[in-house]
PDB file of N, CA and C in Angstrom:
ATOM      1  N   MET A   1       0.833  -1.182   0.000  1.00  0.00           N
ATOM      2  CA  MET A   1       0.000   0.000   0.000  1.00  0.00           C
ATOM      3  C   MET A   1       0.873   1.240   0.000  1.00  0.00           C
ATOM      4  N   LYS A   2       0.335   2.294  -0.582  1.00  0.00           N
ATOM      5  CA  LYS A   2       1.023   3.579  -0.570  1.00  0.00           C
ATOM      6  C   LYS A   2       0.366   4.465   0.485  1.00  0.00           C
ATOM      7  N   TYR A   3       1.174   5.298   1.134  1.00  0.00           N
ATOM      8  CA  TYR A   3       0.683   6.166   2.196  1.00  0.00           C
ATOM      9  C   TYR A   3       1.212   7.580   2.016  1.00  0.00           C
ATOM     10  N   THR A   4       0.431   8.572   2.480  1.00  0.00           N
ATOM     11  CA  THR A   4       0.930   9.938   2.530  1.00  0.00           C
ATOM     12  C   THR A   4       1.778  10.099   3.795  1.00  0.00           C
ATOM     13  N   GLN A   5       2.602  11.122   3.824  1.00  0.00           N
ATOM     14  CA  GLN A   5       3.389  11.417   5.028  1.00  0.00           C
ATOM     15  C   GLN A   5       2.457  11.761   6.187  1.00  0.00           C
ATOM     16  N   TYR A   6       1.345  12.417   5.882  1.00  0.00           N
ATOM     17  CA  TYR A   6       0.364  12.747   6.919  1.00  0.00           C
ATOM     18  C   TYR A   6      -0.129  11.470   7.597  1.00  0.00           C
ATOM     19  N   PHE A   7      -0.490  10.464   6.816  1.00  0.00           N
ATOM     20  CA  PHE A   7      -0.967   9.205   7.396  1.00  0.00           C
ATOM     21  C   PHE A   7       0.097   8.584   8.290  1.00  0.00           C
ATOM     22  N   LEU A   8       1.327   8.542   7.820  1.00  0.00           N
ATOM     23  CA  LEU A   8       2.403   7.930   8.602  1.00  0.00           C
ATOM     24  C   LEU A   8       2.608   8.656   9.929  1.00  0.00           C
ATOM     25  N   PHE A   9       2.430   9.977   9.930  1.00  0.00           N
ATOM     26  CA  PHE A   9       2.556  10.759  11.158  1.00  0.00           C
ATOM     27  C   PHE A   9       1.386  10.487  12.099  1.00  0.00           C
ATOM     28  N   VAL A  10       0.156  10.580  11.580  1.00  0.00           N
ATOM     29  CA  VAL A  10      -1.045  10.421  12.407  1.00  0.00           C
ATOM     30  C   VAL A  10      -1.183   8.991  12.916  1.00  0.00           C
ATOM     31  N   ARG A  11      -0.697   8.046  12.181  1.00  0.00           N
ATOM     32  CA  ARG A  11      -0.797   6.626  12.568  1.00  0.00           C
ATOM     33  C   ARG A  11      -0.107   6.335  13.888  1.00  0.00           C
ATOM     34  N   GLN A  12       0.785   7.213  14.309  1.00  0.00           N
ATOM     35  CA  GLN A  12       1.516   7.028  15.562  1.00  0.00           C
ATOM     36  C   GLN A  12       0.687   7.380  16.798  1.00  0.00           C
ATOM     37  N   ARG A  13      -0.458   8.038  16.594  1.00  0.00           N
ATOM     38  CA  ARG A  13      -1.319   8.400  17.730  1.00  0.00           C
ATOM     39  C   ARG A  13      -1.830   7.136  18.413  1.00  0.00           C
ATOM     40  N   SER A  14      -2.009   7.217  19.726  1.00  0.00           N
ATOM     41  CA  SER A  14      -2.411   6.043  20.500  1.00  0.00           C
ATOM     42  C   SER A  14      -3.756   5.468  20.063  1.00  0.00           C
ATOM     43  N   ASP A  15      -4.681   6.321  19.615  1.00  0.00           N
ATOM     44  CA  ASP A  15      -5.988   5.821  19.195  1.00  0.00           C
ATOM     45  C   ASP A  15      -5.960   5.192  17.804  1.00  0.00           C
ATOM     46  N   ARG A  16      -4.835   5.297  17.107  1.00  0.00           N
ATOM     47  CA  ARG A  16      -4.735   4.746  15.750  1.00  0.00           C
ATOM     48  C   ARG A  16      -3.785   3.551  15.644  1.00  0.00           C
ATOM     49  N   THR A  17      -3.004   3.310  16.676  1.00  0.00           N
ATOM     50  CA  THR A  17      -2.010   2.236  16.592  1.00  0.00           C
ATOM     51  C   THR A  17      -2.642   0.852  16.503  1.00  0.00           C
ATOM     52  N   ILE A  18      -3.894   0.718  16.957  1.00  0.00           N
ATOM     53  CA  ILE A  18      -4.542  -0.603  16.900  1.00  0.00           C
ATOM     54  C   ILE A  18      -5.107  -0.928  15.524  1.00  0.00           C
ATOM     55  N   ILE A  19      -5.143   0.047  14.630  1.00  0.00           N
ATOM     56  CA  ILE A  19      -5.713  -0.169  13.293  1.00  0.00           C
ATOM     57  C   ILE A  19      -4.766  -1.039  12.463  1.00  0.00           C
ATOM     58  N   ARG A  20      -5.265  -2.170  12.022  1.00  0.00           N
ATOM     59  CA  ARG A  20      -4.455  -3.142  11.282  1.00  0.00           C
ATOM     60  C   ARG A  20      -4.481  -2.871   9.773  1.00  0.00           C
ATOM     61  N   GLU A  21      -3.365  -3.175   9.116  1.00  0.00           N
ATOM     62  CA  GLU A  21      -3.295  -3.021   7.657  1.00  0.00           C
ATOM     63  C   GLU A  21      -4.329  -3.899   6.957  1.00  0.00           C
ATOM     64  N   GLU A  22      -4.591  -5.070   7.492  1.00  0.00           N
ATOM     65  CA  GLU A  22      -5.567  -5.968   6.866  1.00  0.00           C
ATOM     66  C   GLU A  22      -6.961  -5.340   6.856  1.00  0.00           C
ATOM     67  N   TRP A  23      -7.288  -4.551   7.889  1.00  0.00           N
ATOM     68  CA  TRP A  23      -8.573  -3.870   7.917  1.00  0.00           C
ATOM     69  C   TRP A  23      -8.620  -2.801   6.830  1.00  0.00           C
ATOM     70  N   ILE A  24      -7.526  -2.070   6.681  1.00  0.00           N
ATOM     71  CA  ILE A  24      -7.455  -1.015   5.664  1.00  0.00           C
ATOM     72  C   ILE A  24      -7.644  -1.630   4.273  1.00  0.00           C
ATOM     73  N   LEU A  25      -6.944  -2.720   3.999  1.00  0.00           N
ATOM     74  CA  LEU A  25      -7.073  -3.403   2.699  1.00  0.00           C
ATOM     75  C   LEU A  25      -8.490  -3.906   2.466  1.00  0.00           C
ATOM     76  N   LYS A  26      -9.105  -4.458   3.514  1.00  0.00           N
ATOM     77  CA  LYS A  26     -10.478  -4.952   3.403  1.00  0.00           C
ATOM     78  C   LYS A  26     -11.405  -3.826   2.959  1.00  0.00           C
ATOM     79  N   ILE A  27     -11.251  -2.653   3.569  1.00  0.00           N
ATOM     80  CA  ILE A  27     -12.132  -1.533   3.251  1.00  0.00           C
ATOM     81  C   ILE A  27     -11.861  -1.004   1.845  1.00  0.00           C
ATOM     82  N   ILE A  28     -10.604  -0.922   1.465  1.00  0.00           N
ATOM     83  CA  ILE A  28     -10.280  -0.450   0.116  1.00  0.00           C
ATOM     84  C   ILE A  28     -10.885  -1.371  -0.935  1.00  0.00           C
ATOM     85  N   ASN A  29     -10.793  -2.671  -0.721  1.00  0.00           N
ATOM     86  CA  ASN A  29     -11.247  -3.648  -1.712  1.00  0.00           C
ATOM     87  C   ASN A  29     -12.726  -3.999  -1.633  1.00  0.00           C
ATOM     88  N   ASN A  30     -13.327  -3.835  -0.461  1.00  0.00           N
ATOM     89  CA  ASN A  30     -14.721  -4.246  -0.289  1.00  0.00           C
ATOM     90  C   ASN A  30     -15.430  -3.337   0.715  1.00  0.00           C
ATOM     91  N   PRO A  31     -15.626  -2.068   0.364  1.00  0.00           N
ATOM     92  CA  PRO A  31     -16.237  -1.142   1.319  1.00  0.00           C
ATOM     93  C   PRO A  31     -17.741  -1.356   1.460  1.00  0.00           C
ATOM     94  N   LEU A  32     -18.235  -0.981   2.620  1.00  0.00           N
ATOM     95  CA  LEU A  32     -19.670  -0.967   2.860  1.00  0.00           C
ATOM     96  C   LEU A  32     -20.285   0.231   2.145  1.00  0.00           C
ATOM     97  N   LYS A  33     -19.562   1.353   2.135  1.00  0.00           N
ATOM     98  CA  LYS A  33     -20.021   2.582   1.487  1.00  0.00           C
ATOM     99  C   LYS A  33     -18.815   3.338   0.949  1.00  0.00           C
ATOM    100  N   THR A  34     -19.003   4.046  -0.165  1.00  0.00           N
ATOM    101  CA  THR A  34     -17.958   4.866  -0.781  1.00  0.00           C
ATOM    102  C   THR A  34     -18.546   6.212  -1.160  1.00  0.00           C
ATOM    103  N   GLU A  35     -17.795   7.270  -0.893  1.00  0.00           N
ATOM    104  CA  GLU A  35     -18.174   8.625  -1.305  1.00  0.00           C
ATOM    105  C   GLU A  35     -16.942   9.328  -1.854  1.00  0.00           C
ATOM    106  N   VAL A  36     -17.155  10.220  -2.811  1.00  0.00           N
ATOM    107  CA  VAL A  36     -16.068  11.045  -3.333  1.00  0.00           C
ATOM    108  C   VAL A  36     -16.278  12.461  -2.811  1.00  0.00           C
ATOM    109  N   GLN A  37     -15.251  13.000  -2.149  1.00  0.00           N
ATOM    110  CA  GLN A  37     -15.306  14.350  -1.618  1.00  0.00           C
ATOM    111  C   GLN A  37     -15.171  15.363  -2.748  1.00  0.00           C
ATOM    112  N   THR A  38     -15.490  16.620  -2.472  1.00  0.00           N
ATOM    113  CA  THR A  38     -15.390  17.669  -3.496  1.00  0.00           C
ATOM    114  C   THR A  38     -13.953  17.873  -3.961  1.00  0.00           C
ATOM    115  N   ASP A  39     -12.969  17.543  -3.120  1.00  0.00           N
ATOM    116  CA  ASP A  39     -11.554  17.684  -3.509  1.00  0.00           C
ATOM    117  C   ASP A  39     -11.028  16.446  -4.240  1.00  0.00           C
ATOM    118  N   GLY A  40     -11.905  15.463  -4.489  1.00  0.00           N
ATOM    119  CA  GLY A  40     -11.515  14.269  -5.226  1.00  0.00           C
ATOM    120  C   GLY A  40     -11.054  13.108  -4.359  1.00  0.00           C
ATOM    121  N   ARG A  41     -10.822  13.361  -3.086  1.00  0.00           N
ATOM    122  CA  ARG A  41     -10.439  12.253  -2.205  1.00  0.00           C
ATOM    123  C   ARG A  41     -11.623  11.308  -2.042  1.00  0.00           C
ATOM    124  N   ILE A  42     -11.313  10.061  -1.753  1.00  0.00           N
ATOM    125  CA  ILE A  42     -12.335   9.014  -1.703  1.00  0.00           C
ATOM    126  C   ILE A  42     -12.460   8.493  -0.273  1.00  0.00           C
ATOM    127  N   ARG A  43     -13.680   8.526   0.240  1.00  0.00           N
ATOM    128  CA  ARG A  43     -13.967   7.998   1.578  1.00  0.00           C
ATOM    129  C   ARG A  43     -14.568   6.609   1.430  1.00  0.00           C
ATOM    130  N   LYS A  44     -14.095   5.683   2.262  1.00  0.00           N
ATOM    131  CA  LYS A  44     -14.649   4.326   2.266  1.00  0.00           C
ATOM    132  C   LYS A  44     -14.828   3.888   3.709  1.00  0.00           C
ATOM    133  N   TRP A  45     -15.929   3.167   3.961  1.00  0.00           N
ATOM    134  CA  TRP A  45     -16.225   2.686   5.301  1.00  0.00           C
ATOM    135  C   TRP A  45     -16.501   1.192   5.297  1.00  0.00           C
ATOM    136  N   SER A  46     -16.261   0.586   6.448  1.00  0.00           N
ATOM    137  CA  SER A  46     -16.692  -0.782   6.684  1.00  0.00           C
ATOM    138  C   SER A  46     -16.715  -1.021   8.193  1.00  0.00           C
ATOM    139  N   PHE A  47     -17.460  -2.035   8.603  1.00  0.00           N
ATOM    140  CA  PHE A  47     -17.552  -2.388  10.018  1.00  0.00           C
ATOM    141  C   PHE A  47     -16.454  -3.380  10.359  1.00  0.00           C
ATOM    142  N   ILE A  48     -15.748  -3.120  11.446  1.00  0.00           N
ATOM    143  CA  ILE A  48     -14.680  -4.012  11.909  1.00  0.00           C
ATOM    144  C   ILE A  48     -15.206  -4.782  13.119  1.00  0.00           C
ATOM    145  N   LYS A  49     -15.510  -6.049  12.910  1.00  0.00           N
ATOM    146  CA  LYS A  49     -16.118  -6.881  13.953  1.00  0.00           C
ATOM    147  C   LYS A  49     -15.246  -6.977  15.208  1.00  0.00           C
ATOM    148  N   GLU A  50     -13.933  -7.085  15.025  1.00  0.00           N
ATOM    149  CA  GLU A  50     -13.026  -7.285  16.157  1.00  0.00           C
ATOM    150  C   GLU A  50     -13.113  -6.170  17.199  1.00  0.00           C
ATOM    151  N   VAL A  51     -13.458  -4.978  16.774  1.00  0.00           N
ATOM    152  CA  VAL A  51     -13.549  -3.853  17.714  1.00  0.00           C
ATOM    153  C   VAL A  51     -14.967  -3.303  17.825  1.00  0.00           C
ATOM    154  N   GLY A  52     -15.877  -3.776  16.987  1.00  0.00           N
ATOM    155  CA  GLY A  52     -17.263  -3.334  17.036  1.00  0.00           C
ATOM    156  C   GLY A  52     -17.464  -1.887  16.612  1.00  0.00           C
ATOM    157  N   LYS A  53     -16.641  -1.425  15.657  1.00  0.00           N
ATOM    158  CA  LYS A  53     -16.715  -0.031  15.209  1.00  0.00           C
ATOM    159  C   LYS A  53     -16.601   0.055  13.694  1.00  0.00           C
ATOM    160  N   TYR A  54     -17.046   1.199  13.154  1.00  0.00           N
ATOM    161  CA  TYR A  54     -16.876   1.482  11.730  1.00  0.00           C
ATOM    162  C   TYR A  54     -15.545   2.191  11.534  1.00  0.00           C
ATOM    163  N   LEU A  55     -14.823   1.774  10.517  1.00  0.00           N
ATOM    164  CA  LEU A  55     -13.539   2.374  10.180  1.00  0.00           C
ATOM    165  C   LEU A  55     -13.684   3.120   8.864  1.00  0.00           C
ATOM    166  N   ARG A  56     -13.176   4.361   8.834  1.00  0.00           N
ATOM    167  CA  ARG A  56     -13.185   5.152   7.599  1.00  0.00           C
ATOM    168  C   ARG A  56     -11.773   5.238   7.057  1.00  0.00           C
ATOM    169  N   VAL A  57     -11.634   4.967   5.774  1.00  0.00           N
ATOM    170  CA  VAL A  57     -10.358   5.103   5.066  1.00  0.00           C
ATOM    171  C   VAL A  57     -10.531   6.222   4.052  1.00  0.00           C
ATOM    172  N   ILE A  58      -9.597   7.159   4.040  1.00  0.00           N
ATOM    173  CA  ILE A  58      -9.622   8.235   3.050  1.00  0.00           C
ATOM    174  C   ILE A  58      -8.427   8.070   2.130  1.00  0.00           C
ATOM    175  N   LEU A  59      -8.736   7.934   0.835  1.00  0.00           N
ATOM    176  CA  LEU A  59      -7.714   7.757  -0.188  1.00  0.00           C
ATOM    177  C   LEU A  59      -7.568   9.035  -1.000  1.00  0.00           C
ATOM    178  N   LEU A  60      -6.393   9.239  -1.581  1.00  0.00           N
ATOM    179  CA  LEU A  60      -6.210  10.343  -2.504  1.00  0.00           C
ATOM    180  C   LEU A  60      -6.966  10.049  -3.796  1.00  0.00           C
ATOM    181  N   LYS A  61      -7.007  11.020  -4.700  1.00  0.00           N
ATOM    182  CA  LYS A  61      -7.730  10.882  -5.973  1.00  0.00           C
ATOM    183  C   LYS A  61      -7.322   9.646  -6.757  1.00  0.00           C
ATOM    184  N   ASP A  62      -6.070   9.206  -6.574  1.00  0.00           N
ATOM    185  CA  ASP A  62      -5.595   8.042  -7.335  1.00  0.00           C
ATOM    186  C   ASP A  62      -6.282   6.741  -6.919  1.00  0.00           C
ATOM    187  N   GLY A  63      -7.015   6.772  -5.798  1.00  0.00           N
ATOM    188  CA  GLY A  63      -7.753   5.602  -5.345  1.00  0.00           C
ATOM    189  C   GLY A  63      -6.916   4.528  -4.692  1.00  0.00           C
ATOM    190  N   GLU A  64      -5.620   4.795  -4.473  1.00  0.00           N
ATOM    191  CA  GLU A  64      -4.777   3.768  -3.853  1.00  0.00           C
ATOM    192  C   GLU A  64      -3.859   4.286  -2.752  1.00  0.00           C
ATOM    193  N   THR A  65      -3.647   5.595  -2.672  1.00  0.00           N
ATOM    194  CA  THR A  65      -2.781   6.145  -1.639  1.00  0.00           C
ATOM    195  C   THR A  65      -3.610   6.497  -0.406  1.00  0.00           C
ATOM    196  N   VAL A  66      -3.277   5.870   0.736  1.00  0.00           N
ATOM    197  CA  VAL A  66      -4.011   6.086   1.975  1.00  0.00           C
ATOM    198  C   VAL A  66      -3.570   7.414   2.594  1.00  0.00           C
ATOM    199  N   HIS A  67      -4.552   8.293   2.843  1.00  0.00           N
ATOM    200  CA  HIS A  67      -4.272   9.599   3.431  1.00  0.00           C
ATOM    201  C   HIS A  67      -4.643   9.644   4.917  1.00  0.00           C
ATOM    202  N   ASN A  68      -5.719   8.954   5.293  1.00  0.00           N
ATOM    203  CA  ASN A  68      -6.153   8.972   6.683  1.00  0.00           C
ATOM    204  C   ASN A  68      -7.014   7.742   6.952  1.00  0.00           C
ATOM    205  N   VAL A  69      -6.980   7.285   8.195  1.00  0.00           N
ATOM    206  CA  VAL A  69      -7.786   6.143   8.625  1.00  0.00           C
ATOM    207  C   VAL A  69      -8.160   6.384  10.081  1.00  0.00           C
ATOM    208  N   PHE A  70      -9.452   6.227  10.395  1.00  0.00           N
ATOM    209  CA  PHE A  70      -9.869   6.416  11.786  1.00  0.00           C
ATOM    210  C   PHE A  70     -11.215   5.749  12.018  1.00  0.00           C
ATOM    211  N   PHE A  71     -11.498   5.477  13.300  1.00  0.00           N
ATOM    212  CA  PHE A  71     -12.796   4.940  13.668  1.00  0.00           C
ATOM    213  C   PHE A  71     -13.801   6.088  13.629  1.00  0.00           C
ATOM    214  N   ASP A  72     -14.874   5.903  12.866  1.00  0.00           N
ATOM    215  CA  ASP A  72     -15.849   6.955  12.626  1.00  0.00           C
ATOM    216  C   ASP A  72     -17.061   6.752  13.525  1.00  0.00           C
ATOM    217  N   ARG A  73     -17.104   7.484  14.623  1.00  0.00           N
ATOM    218  CA  ARG A  73     -18.198   7.332  15.595  1.00  0.00           C
ATOM    219  C   ARG A  73     -19.531   7.826  15.059  1.00  0.00           C
ATOM    220  N   SER A  74     -19.512   8.699  14.065  1.00  0.00           N
ATOM    221  CA  SER A  74     -20.768   9.266  13.574  1.00  0.00           C
ATOM    222  C   SER A  74     -21.359   8.512  12.378  1.00  0.00           C
ATOM    223  N   PHE A  75     -20.657   7.506  11.847  1.00  0.00           N
ATOM    224  CA  PHE A  75     -21.152   6.779  10.672  1.00  0.00           C
ATOM    225  C   PHE A  75     -22.365   5.935  11.045  1.00  0.00           C
ATOM    226  N   LYS A  76     -23.387   6.026  10.206  1.00  0.00           N
ATOM    227  CA  LYS A  76     -24.598   5.200  10.368  1.00  0.00           C
ATOM    228  C   LYS A  76     -24.852   4.480   9.059  1.00  0.00           C
ATOM    229  N   GLU A  77     -25.095   3.181   9.152  1.00  0.00           N
ATOM    230  CA  GLU A  77     -25.435   2.405   7.962  1.00  0.00           C
ATOM    231  C   GLU A  77     -26.789   2.841   7.448  1.00  0.00           C
ATOM    232  N   GLU A  78     -26.870   2.966   6.128  1.00  0.00           N
ATOM    233  CA  GLU A  78     -28.152   3.328   5.520  1.00  0.00           C
ATOM    234  C   GLU A  78     -29.056   2.109   5.517  1.00  0.00           C
ATOM    235  N   GLU A  79     -30.291   2.340   5.919  1.00  0.00           N
ATOM    236  CA  GLU A  79     -31.249   1.237   5.918  1.00  0.00           C
ATOM    237  C   GLU A  79     -31.848   1.095   4.527  1.00  0.00           C
ATOM    238  N   THR A  80     -32.032  -0.145   4.093  1.00  0.00           N
ATOM    239  CA  THR A  80     -32.597  -0.379   2.751  1.00  0.00           C
ATOM    240  C   THR A  80     -34.016  -0.854   2.841  1.00  0.00           C
TER     241      THR A  80
END
């Protein structure tokens, strides 16, 4: 995976050190939801069973460089 310098810096925070690369890959390849921001960055979410939380991955416009990853407390699954 490719990462921005920002991601590598923020990943050192105590609340982010538990985030596994396998979870990031899972979300990139099989997201529950995807949105494109106005700046072209791509948001992807999925539920991580091991921690019982939704994880958001933000990619750059190229769709493969990870810019940010965090547990999203405000994410709600859309009901169908």
